[in-house]
C-alpha atoms as a PDB file:
ATOM      1  CA  MET A   1     -10.107 -35.792  -0.677  1.00  0.00           C
ATOM      2  CA  ALA A   2      -6.257 -35.962  -0.182  1.00  0.00           C
ATOM      3  CA  GLY A   3      -6.627 -39.550  -1.907  1.00  0.00           C
ATOM      4  CA  ARG A   4      -8.505 -38.223  -4.790  1.00  0.00           C
ATOM      5  CA  LEU A   5      -6.462 -35.380  -5.189  1.00  0.00           C
ATOM      6  CA  GLU A   6      -3.028 -37.656  -5.427  1.00  0.00           C
ATOM      7  CA  ALA A   7      -4.381 -40.245  -7.396  1.00  0.00           C
ATOM      8  CA  PHE A   8      -5.504 -37.212 -10.014  1.00  0.00           C
ATOM      9  CA  VAL A   9      -2.160 -35.802  -9.946  1.00  0.00           C
ATOM     10  CA  GLU A  10      -0.348 -38.871 -10.302  1.00  0.00           C
ATOM     11  CA  ALA A  11      -2.434 -39.707 -13.272  1.00  0.00           C
ATOM     12  CA  LEU A  12      -1.083 -36.633 -15.356  1.00  0.00           C
ATOM     13  CA  PRO A  13       1.720 -37.324 -17.448  1.00  0.00           C
ATOM     14  CA  ASP A  14       3.291 -34.004 -17.261  1.00  0.00           C
ATOM     15  CA  PRO A  15       5.332 -32.596 -14.128  1.00  0.00           C
ATOM     16  CA  VAL A  16       2.542 -31.245 -11.746  1.00  0.00           C
ATOM     17  CA  LEU A  17       3.040 -29.644  -8.467  1.00  0.00           C
ATOM     18  CA  ILE A  18       0.069 -28.323  -6.458  1.00  0.00           C
ATOM     19  CA  ILE A  19       1.101 -25.583  -4.019  1.00  0.00           C
ATOM     20  CA  GLY A  20      -0.635 -24.085  -0.894  1.00  0.00           C
ATOM     21  CA  ARG A  21      -0.454 -21.519   1.269  1.00  0.00           C
ATOM     22  CA  GLY A  22       2.845 -20.345   2.414  1.00  0.00           C
ATOM     23  CA  GLN A  23       4.260 -21.832  -0.771  1.00  0.00           C
ATOM     24  CA  ARG A  24       3.825 -25.480   0.824  1.00  0.00           C
ATOM     25  CA  ILE A  25       4.234 -28.322  -1.386  1.00  0.00           C
ATOM     26  CA  ILE A  26       0.554 -29.948  -1.311  1.00  0.00           C
ATOM     27  CA  ALA A  27       0.770 -32.669  -4.147  1.00  0.00           C
ATOM     28  CA  ALA A  28       3.831 -33.497  -7.313  1.00  0.00           C
ATOM     29  CA  ASN A  29       3.522 -36.477  -9.216  1.00  0.00           C
ATOM     30  CA  LYS A  30       6.441 -38.775 -10.478  1.00  0.00           C
ATOM     31  CA  PRO A  31       7.457 -36.452 -13.382  1.00  0.00           C
ATOM     32  CA  ALA A  32       7.633 -33.530 -11.344  1.00  0.00           C
ATOM     33  CA  CYS A  33       9.774 -35.297  -8.331  1.00  0.00           C
ATOM     34  CA  GLY A  34      12.335 -36.603 -11.539  1.00  0.00           C
ATOM     35  CA  LEU A  35      12.618 -32.999 -12.114  1.00  0.00           C
ATOM     36  CA  PHE A  36      13.144 -31.954  -8.735  1.00  0.00           C
ATOM     37  CA  PRO A  37      14.238 -35.230  -6.528  1.00  0.00           C
ATOM     38  CA  ALA A  38      14.145 -32.716  -3.013  1.00  0.00           C
ATOM     39  CA  LEU A  39      10.244 -32.500  -3.293  1.00  0.00           C
ATOM     40  CA  ARG A  40       8.479 -33.705  -0.664  1.00  0.00           C
ATOM     41  CA  GLU A  41       5.099 -32.792   0.726  1.00  0.00           C
ATOM     42  CA  HIS A  42       4.758 -29.802   2.786  1.00  0.00           C
ATOM     43  CA  LYS A  43       8.381 -28.753   2.444  1.00  0.00           C
ATOM     44  CA  SER A  44       8.358 -25.106   1.436  1.00  0.00           C
ATOM     45  CA  LEU A  45       8.653 -24.683  -2.229  1.00  0.00           C
ATOM     46  CA  PRO A  46      11.489 -22.152  -2.233  1.00  0.00           C
ATOM     47  CA  LEU A  47      13.641 -24.460  -0.520  1.00  0.00           C
ATOM     48  CA  VAL A  48      13.157 -27.174  -3.217  1.00  0.00           C
ATOM     49  CA  ILE A  49      13.244 -25.067  -6.290  1.00  0.00           C
ATOM     50  CA  ARG A  50      15.888 -22.037  -6.864  1.00  0.00           C
ATOM     51  CA  SER A  51      14.406 -21.098 -10.021  1.00  0.00           C
ATOM     52  CA  PRO A  52      13.107 -17.243  -9.926  1.00  0.00           C
ATOM     53  CA  ASP A  53      10.695 -17.948 -12.784  1.00  0.00           C
ATOM     54  CA  VAL A  54       8.911 -20.645 -10.997  1.00  0.00           C
ATOM     55  CA  LEU A  55       8.799 -18.651  -7.519  1.00  0.00           C
ATOM     56  CA  ASP A  56       7.850 -15.515  -9.578  1.00  0.00           C
ATOM     57  CA  ALA A  57       5.156 -17.126 -11.353  1.00  0.00           C
ATOM     58  CA  THR A  58       3.735 -18.762  -7.751  1.00  0.00           C
ATOM     59  CA  ALA A  59       3.951 -15.494  -6.452  1.00  0.00           C
ATOM     60  CA  ARG A  60       1.639 -14.225  -9.098  1.00  0.00           C
ATOM     61  CA  ALA A  61      -0.616 -16.900  -9.111  1.00  0.00           C
ATOM     62  CA  PHE A  62      -1.295 -16.598  -5.119  1.00  0.00           C
ATOM     63  CA  GLU A  63      -1.647 -12.542  -5.776  1.00  0.00           C
ATOM     64  CA  GLY A  64      -4.131 -12.789  -8.160  1.00  0.00           C
ATOM     65  CA  GLY A  65      -5.600 -15.649  -7.898  1.00  0.00           C
ATOM     66  CA  ALA A  66      -5.072 -16.901 -11.595  1.00  0.00           C
ATOM     67  CA  ALA A  67      -3.467 -20.222 -12.846  1.00  0.00           C
ATOM     68  CA  THR A  68      -0.071 -19.910 -14.156  1.00  0.00           C
ATOM     69  CA  THR A  69       1.968 -22.088 -16.025  1.00  0.00           C
ATOM     70  CA  THR A  70       6.088 -21.564 -16.343  1.00  0.00           C
ATOM     71  CA  MET A  71       8.405 -23.217 -18.917  1.00  0.00           C
ATOM     72  CA  LEU A  72      11.935 -24.594 -17.368  1.00  0.00           C
ATOM     73  CA  HIS A  73      14.918 -24.107 -19.557  1.00  0.00           C
END
């Protein structure tokens, strides 16, 4: 299953992060790694991305279970 998820995420042209419980990075594609070179699987998102907008959107998604899109400026 993990291989299929990674292949799907990697095929997407836009930066994509899959975040799991504890705000751990499950998967990230090359465009996302280009924006955030410190991205690594299993690393804590707040240690990699310091953007309050991204961290707030992640927290809201986990609280409500709804998908969230956030634009970085």
